[in-house]
Each structure stands twice: as structure tokens, then as C-alpha cells.
Amino acid sequence: MSATKAVLVTGASNGIGYETVKAFLQSPNRYHVYLGSRSLKKGNAALEKLQAECPSTKSTAEILEIDLYSDESIDKAFEVVKNGQGRLDVLINNAGGGFDSEFSQGKMSLRECFNKAYDLNVAGTNVVTWTFVPLLLKSAEPRVLFVAGLSQMTQAAEAYFPTPPQPAGWPKKIDFETIGYRCSKTAMSMLMLDWNHKLKEDGIKVFSVSPGFCATGLGNLGADAMASMGAEHPREGGRRLIAVAEGQRDADAGKIIDKVGFLPW
């Protein structure tokens, strides 16, 4: 019988995070998964659904209240894991969000849209990683995954998915605006490079993983609308993340991993 590994997935009450927790519960390996959620209500609903969908799991899961906007919340979450499993084998930095649609709808300023995404996706993720490193150092096979987003850097305008080429004139009409989100996710890839540099001698393997374009409802577009654009079910993202978490891409630590290899630079 293999030893149970402790895993934390942030932002796990829905979307790719939820499907990642589900993939761990369906794995033949044994895990204790901390389902990170800013909202206890949403976290409990997600856990009940997972228990119904994975009745024969060999693993266990529990809610971990964690709000990436709050250092106090992150510190409290650390204490829960420290006093519970006592270590962390896998940290999956999945929590994130985009607020471009709120700018487009006039609900917040352009500066607020960018700052809120950066605070959550970059600063919050960095604080979580920094806080949980001591528990990762207690693991025999520690791994940290940063979940990349729609942040591929491309040169050809026609390849700038998902925004089509724009005609001359102002203002531009962009139905699915994502630039604030994408900039913050690109910054997260630099976080991965820095943490890989910092932790290499400690034996902690660090990755940035693109789950692919999944129908998560990003930017309030709606999962169905995203699916019509070619987005996959979030379960595909969960499968890609657990493959890295279970060691299938260890040779690629310190790199940005895409579903078909590496993201273009």
C-alpha cells in the first residue's frame, strides 16, 4: 500500500480546480486533498458533489478555506495543514480570475481590472507558495504547479487567440476581452521560473502547466459560449495537471508545459 500524499489545490470549488481534485480522488494512488476555496459554502457544495461522484475513492478530501486576497486567510490555511497532515507533497496554484469583462461592462476602471487580476493571480499565488514552502520541504517528493492561462506569446496577429484581427478605428469591439487576465498569467510564469531557481537545491520540482482552453466561464462569458469557441471540458485540464503532479513530466521541471509539449516563446 502506497503512502498517502497531501495535496492542496487552490480555487477548487469549480472549473479546472474542481476537476483536478476529482482526478486525484479517482487516481489509484492515495491522497489527502485539501480543496481550497474562498467560500466555505461553495467548498462544501463541491465536496458533497465529489463524494457523490467518487464513492469508491481510496483517497480523502477536506475543505480548506483560503482567500488569496488575504494574508491572514493564507496563514490560517497553513496552520490547518500543518496541524493536519503536517506536510504538503503537491501544491497546485490554480486559484485565479479575470476581470476584463467587468471593465468592458463599465463596472470597474481599466486600472482596477488589471490590479485586481495581478493581486489575485500573481501576488496572492506568490504569498501562498512562500507560506507553504516549509511544509513542502517535509515531503520526499515535493512538486509545485502554477496553472498557466491564455498567456501564450504569439507574433502573428491572426494567431492571437481568442481575439480575432481588429479593423482600424476606435474604440475596438472585442467580445471576449482577456488582456488583464493574460498579462497576470504571463507574470505567473515568471513566478514559476523564480521559484524553480530558489528551490532547485531543495529537491522541489516546479512547473508551469497549461491546462488547455477549457470551458470554465472565464470572464463571465459562460461555459457553453466558451465550448462553442472550441474549449474543452475542464476535466481535460484536471487530467493534465494530475499527470504532472504524479511525476509524468518530472524531466520538464522548470519549464512551461503545454498539452502538446511546451508553450511557444
Protein backbone atom coordinates (compact mmCIF):
# COMPACT_ATOMS: atom_id res chain seq x y z
CA MET A 1 0.00 0.00 0.00
CA SER A 2 1.46 3.33 -1.04
CA ALA A 3 1.70 6.15 1.49
CA THR A 4 -0.96 8.84 1.33
CA LYS A 5 0.25 12.11 -0.18
CA ALA A 6 -1.04 15.51 0.87
CA VAL A 7 -2.22 17.83 -1.91
CA LEU A 8 -3.54 21.39 -1.90
CA VAL A 9 -5.49 22.68 -4.89
CA THR A 10 -6.42 26.35 -4.60
CA GLY A 11 -9.58 27.63 -6.27
CA ALA A 12 -11.02 24.13 -6.28
CA SER A 13 -14.74 24.68 -5.79
CA ASN A 14 -15.40 24.75 -9.54
CA GLY A 15 -13.87 24.57 -13.00
CA ILE A 16 -10.39 23.16 -13.53
CA GLY A 17 -9.65 23.15 -9.79
CA TYR A 18 -12.70 21.01 -9.08
CA GLU A 19 -11.85 18.60 -11.87
CA THR A 20 -8.27 18.36 -10.60
CA VAL A 21 -9.47 17.34 -7.13
CA LYS A 22 -11.75 14.82 -8.80
CA ALA A 23 -8.82 13.40 -10.78
CA PHE A 24 -6.88 12.88 -7.55
CA LEU A 25 -9.86 11.13 -5.95
CA GLN A 26 -10.19 8.86 -8.99
CA SER A 27 -6.49 8.03 -9.08
CA PRO A 28 -5.35 4.55 -7.96
CA ASN A 29 -2.82 6.34 -5.76
CA ARG A 30 -3.80 7.54 -2.29
CA TYR A 31 -4.15 11.22 -1.49
CA HIS A 32 -5.49 13.54 1.14
CA VAL A 33 -6.66 16.52 -0.90
CA TYR A 34 -7.23 19.95 0.54
CA LEU A 35 -9.98 21.50 -1.56
CA GLY A 36 -9.03 25.16 -1.38
CA SER A 37 -11.98 27.53 -1.56
CA ARG A 38 -12.52 31.19 -0.74
CA SER A 39 -16.14 30.39 0.12
CA LEU A 40 -16.95 27.65 2.62
CA LYS A 41 -20.46 27.40 1.19
CA LYS A 42 -19.18 26.75 -2.33
CA GLY A 43 -16.45 24.48 -0.99
CA ASN A 44 -18.89 22.33 0.94
CA ALA A 45 -21.18 22.06 -2.08
CA ALA A 46 -18.21 20.98 -4.21
CA LEU A 47 -17.13 18.40 -1.64
CA GLU A 48 -20.62 16.89 -1.44
CA LYS A 49 -20.72 16.63 -5.22
CA LEU A 50 -17.28 14.99 -5.33
CA GLN A 51 -18.26 12.46 -2.69
CA ALA A 52 -21.27 11.51 -4.80
CA GLU A 53 -19.20 11.27 -7.98
CA CYS A 54 -16.31 9.34 -6.41
CA PRO A 55 -17.96 6.86 -3.99
CA SER A 56 -15.20 4.24 -4.28
CA THR A 57 -12.21 6.54 -3.90
CA LYS A 58 -9.20 5.35 -1.91
CA SER A 59 -8.41 8.95 -1.05
CA THR A 60 -9.86 11.61 1.23
CA ALA A 61 -10.66 15.28 0.80
CA GLU A 62 -11.46 18.20 3.07
CA ILE A 63 -12.35 21.85 2.65
CA LEU A 64 -9.59 24.38 3.24
CA GLU A 65 -10.82 27.95 3.48
CA ILE A 66 -8.24 30.12 1.74
CA ASP A 67 -8.65 33.59 0.24
CA LEU A 68 -5.69 34.66 -1.90
CA TYR A 69 -6.51 38.33 -1.32
CA SER A 70 -5.91 37.87 2.43
CA ASP A 71 -2.54 37.10 4.06
CA GLU A 72 -4.40 36.29 7.28
CA SER A 73 -6.52 33.70 5.48
CA ILE A 74 -3.44 32.14 3.88
CA ASP A 75 -1.67 31.96 7.25
CA LYS A 76 -4.71 30.28 8.82
CA ALA A 77 -4.83 27.75 5.99
CA PHE A 78 -1.16 26.98 6.57
CA GLU A 79 -1.85 26.23 10.23
CA VAL A 80 -4.69 23.87 9.29
CA VAL A 81 -2.42 21.83 7.01
CA LYS A 82 0.49 22.00 9.46
CA ASN A 83 -1.69 20.68 12.29
CA GLY A 84 -3.41 18.17 10.00
CA GLN A 85 -1.22 16.29 7.51
CA GLY A 86 1.88 18.10 8.74
CA ARG A 87 3.41 18.32 5.28
CA LEU A 88 2.49 19.07 1.69
CA ASP A 89 3.55 16.87 -1.22
CA VAL A 90 1.86 18.78 -4.04
CA LEU A 91 0.81 22.43 -4.22
CA ILE A 92 -1.32 23.31 -7.23
CA ASN A 93 -1.67 27.07 -7.61
CA ASN A 94 -4.91 27.05 -9.55
CA ALA A 95 -6.94 29.90 -7.99
CA GLY A 96 -7.26 32.88 -10.28
CA GLY A 97 -9.61 35.12 -12.13
CA GLY A 98 -10.05 37.66 -14.86
CA PHE A 99 -11.94 40.95 -14.57
CA ASP A 100 -11.72 42.29 -18.11
CA SER A 101 -15.45 41.83 -18.69
CA GLU A 102 -16.20 44.00 -15.67
CA PHE A 103 -14.17 46.78 -17.28
CA SER A 104 -15.89 46.22 -20.61
CA GLN A 105 -19.26 46.49 -18.88
CA GLY A 106 -18.27 49.67 -17.06
CA LYS A 107 -18.29 48.02 -13.63
CA MET A 108 -14.66 48.90 -12.82
CA SER A 109 -11.88 51.02 -14.25
CA LEU A 110 -9.17 49.66 -16.52
CA ARG A 111 -6.60 50.10 -13.76
CA GLU A 112 -8.80 48.28 -11.25
CA CYS A 113 -9.31 45.44 -13.71
CA PHE A 114 -5.56 44.92 -14.13
CA ASN A 115 -4.67 45.43 -10.46
CA LYS A 116 -7.32 43.02 -9.21
CA ALA A 117 -6.14 40.28 -11.57
CA TYR A 118 -2.50 40.85 -10.61
CA ASP A 119 -3.30 40.89 -6.88
CA LEU A 120 -5.09 37.56 -7.14
CA ASN A 121 -3.20 35.68 -9.84
CA VAL A 122 0.33 36.85 -9.09
CA ALA A 123 0.69 38.40 -5.63
CA GLY A 124 -1.77 36.02 -3.96
CA THR A 125 -0.23 32.96 -5.63
CA ASN A 126 3.24 34.08 -4.62
CA VAL A 127 2.21 34.53 -0.98
CA VAL A 128 0.62 31.07 -0.93
CA THR A 129 3.78 29.48 -2.32
CA TRP A 130 6.04 31.37 0.07
CA THR A 131 3.87 30.42 3.04
CA PHE A 132 3.65 26.70 2.25
CA VAL A 133 7.31 26.06 1.33
CA PRO A 134 8.16 24.84 4.88
CA LEU A 135 5.54 22.07 4.53
CA LEU A 136 6.75 21.17 1.03
CA LEU A 137 10.26 20.72 2.44
CA LYS A 138 8.88 17.94 4.66
CA SER A 139 7.88 15.89 1.60
CA ALA A 140 10.02 13.19 -0.01
CA GLU A 141 8.77 14.14 -3.50
CA PRO A 142 7.52 17.74 -3.42
CA ARG A 143 6.05 19.40 -6.50
CA VAL A 144 4.64 22.87 -7.14
CA LEU A 145 2.43 23.55 -10.15
CA PHE A 146 1.48 27.02 -11.40
CA VAL A 147 -1.58 26.85 -13.64
CA ALA A 148 -0.98 28.88 -16.80
CA GLY A 149 -3.79 30.56 -18.67
CA LEU A 150 -4.44 32.11 -22.08
CA SER A 151 -0.97 33.62 -21.94
CA GLN A 152 0.81 32.24 -24.99
CA MET A 153 3.08 34.81 -26.60
CA THR A 154 2.48 34.88 -30.36
CA GLN A 155 3.72 37.19 -33.11
CA ALA A 156 1.13 36.77 -35.85
CA ALA A 157 -1.98 38.89 -35.31
CA GLU A 158 -4.18 36.24 -36.87
CA ALA A 159 -2.90 33.72 -34.32
CA TYR A 160 -3.70 35.91 -31.34
CA PHE A 161 -6.36 33.60 -29.96
CA PRO A 162 -9.08 34.21 -28.88
CA THR A 163 -9.27 37.81 -30.15
CA PRO A 164 -9.74 37.99 -33.94
CA PRO A 165 -7.93 40.59 -36.08
CA GLN A 166 -9.23 44.07 -35.36
CA PRO A 167 -10.15 46.64 -38.04
CA ALA A 168 -8.82 50.19 -37.86
CA GLY A 169 -10.73 52.68 -35.76
CA TRP A 170 -11.54 53.38 -32.13
CA PRO A 171 -12.99 52.08 -29.92
CA LYS A 172 -12.36 48.40 -30.68
CA LYS A 173 -15.19 45.91 -30.24
CA ILE A 174 -13.82 42.83 -28.51
CA ASP A 175 -16.47 40.35 -27.43
CA PHE A 176 -14.16 38.23 -25.25
CA GLU A 177 -11.61 40.56 -23.65
CA THR A 178 -8.89 38.81 -21.63
CA ILE A 179 -5.80 41.03 -21.69
CA GLY A 180 -5.65 41.87 -17.96
CA TYR A 181 -6.03 38.18 -17.13
CA ARG A 182 -3.47 37.14 -19.73
CA CYS A 183 -0.87 39.65 -18.56
CA SER A 184 -1.20 38.40 -14.99
CA LYS A 185 -0.91 34.77 -16.09
CA THR A 186 2.22 35.58 -18.08
CA ALA A 187 3.66 37.13 -14.91
CA MET A 188 2.82 33.89 -13.10
CA SER A 189 5.14 32.04 -15.47
CA MET A 190 7.97 34.26 -14.21
CA LEU A 191 6.97 33.24 -10.69
CA MET A 192 7.46 29.63 -11.73
CA LEU A 193 10.93 30.36 -13.12
CA ASP A 194 11.92 32.19 -9.95
CA TRP A 195 10.60 29.51 -7.58
CA ASN A 196 12.29 26.81 -9.65
CA HIS A 197 15.56 28.73 -9.23
CA LYS A 198 15.05 29.22 -5.49
CA LEU A 199 14.03 25.64 -4.70
CA LYS A 200 16.11 23.54 -7.09
CA GLU A 201 18.68 22.56 -4.46
CA ASP A 202 15.88 21.64 -2.07
CA GLY A 203 14.61 19.00 -4.46
CA ILE A 204 11.26 20.70 -5.05
CA LYS A 205 10.16 20.30 -8.67
CA VAL A 206 8.38 23.38 -10.00
CA PHE A 207 6.29 23.61 -13.17
CA SER A 208 4.01 25.94 -15.09
CA VAL A 209 1.26 23.87 -16.71
CA SER A 210 -1.23 24.97 -19.32
CA PRO A 211 -4.46 23.03 -18.82
CA GLY A 212 -5.55 23.99 -22.33
CA PHE A 213 -8.51 26.13 -23.33
CA CYS A 214 -11.24 24.82 -21.05
CA ALA A 215 -14.87 25.90 -20.72
CA THR A 216 -14.70 27.45 -17.27
CA GLY A 217 -16.84 30.55 -17.77
CA LEU A 218 -13.79 32.84 -17.64
CA GLY A 219 -14.71 36.49 -17.85
CA ASN A 220 -18.41 35.71 -17.31
CA LEU A 221 -18.63 34.54 -20.91
CA GLY A 222 -20.34 31.30 -19.90
CA ALA A 223 -19.10 27.73 -20.26
CA ASP A 224 -21.44 27.00 -23.20
CA ALA A 225 -20.22 30.04 -25.11
CA MET A 226 -16.61 29.05 -24.49
CA ALA A 227 -17.36 25.50 -25.64
CA SER A 228 -18.72 26.94 -28.89
CA MET A 229 -15.29 28.56 -29.36
CA GLY A 230 -13.60 25.17 -29.10
CA ALA A 231 -12.98 24.99 -25.37
CA GLU A 232 -12.67 21.54 -23.82
CA HIS A 233 -14.39 20.25 -20.70
CA PRO A 234 -12.43 21.26 -17.55
CA ARG A 235 -11.81 17.56 -16.81
CA GLU A 236 -9.18 17.61 -19.57
CA GLY A 237 -7.32 20.32 -17.69
CA GLY A 238 -7.54 18.29 -14.49
CA ARG A 239 -6.04 15.26 -16.23
CA ARG A 240 -3.09 17.28 -17.50
CA LEU A 241 -2.42 18.70 -14.06
CA ILE A 242 -2.52 15.37 -12.25
CA ALA A 243 -0.19 13.85 -14.84
CA VAL A 244 2.43 16.42 -13.86
CA ALA A 245 1.63 16.07 -10.15
CA GLU A 246 2.16 12.31 -10.36
CA GLY A 247 5.60 12.66 -11.90
CA GLN A 248 4.98 12.05 -15.59
CA ARG A 249 6.74 15.29 -16.60
CA ASP A 250 9.50 15.47 -13.98
CA ALA A 251 12.14 15.80 -16.70
CA ASP A 252 10.48 19.10 -17.66
CA ALA A 253 10.66 20.78 -14.25
CA GLY A 254 11.33 24.48 -14.55
CA LYS A 255 9.57 24.70 -17.90
CA ILE A 256 6.21 25.85 -19.21
CA ILE A 257 4.31 22.73 -20.20
CA ASP A 258 1.53 22.69 -22.76
CA LYS A 259 -0.74 19.75 -23.56
CA VAL A 260 1.32 19.07 -26.70
CA GLY A 261 4.75 19.96 -25.39
CA PHE A 262 5.95 23.43 -24.47
CA LEU A 263 4.31 26.79 -24.92
CA PRO A 264 5.89 28.87 -27.69
CA TRP A 265 8.12 31.75 -26.61
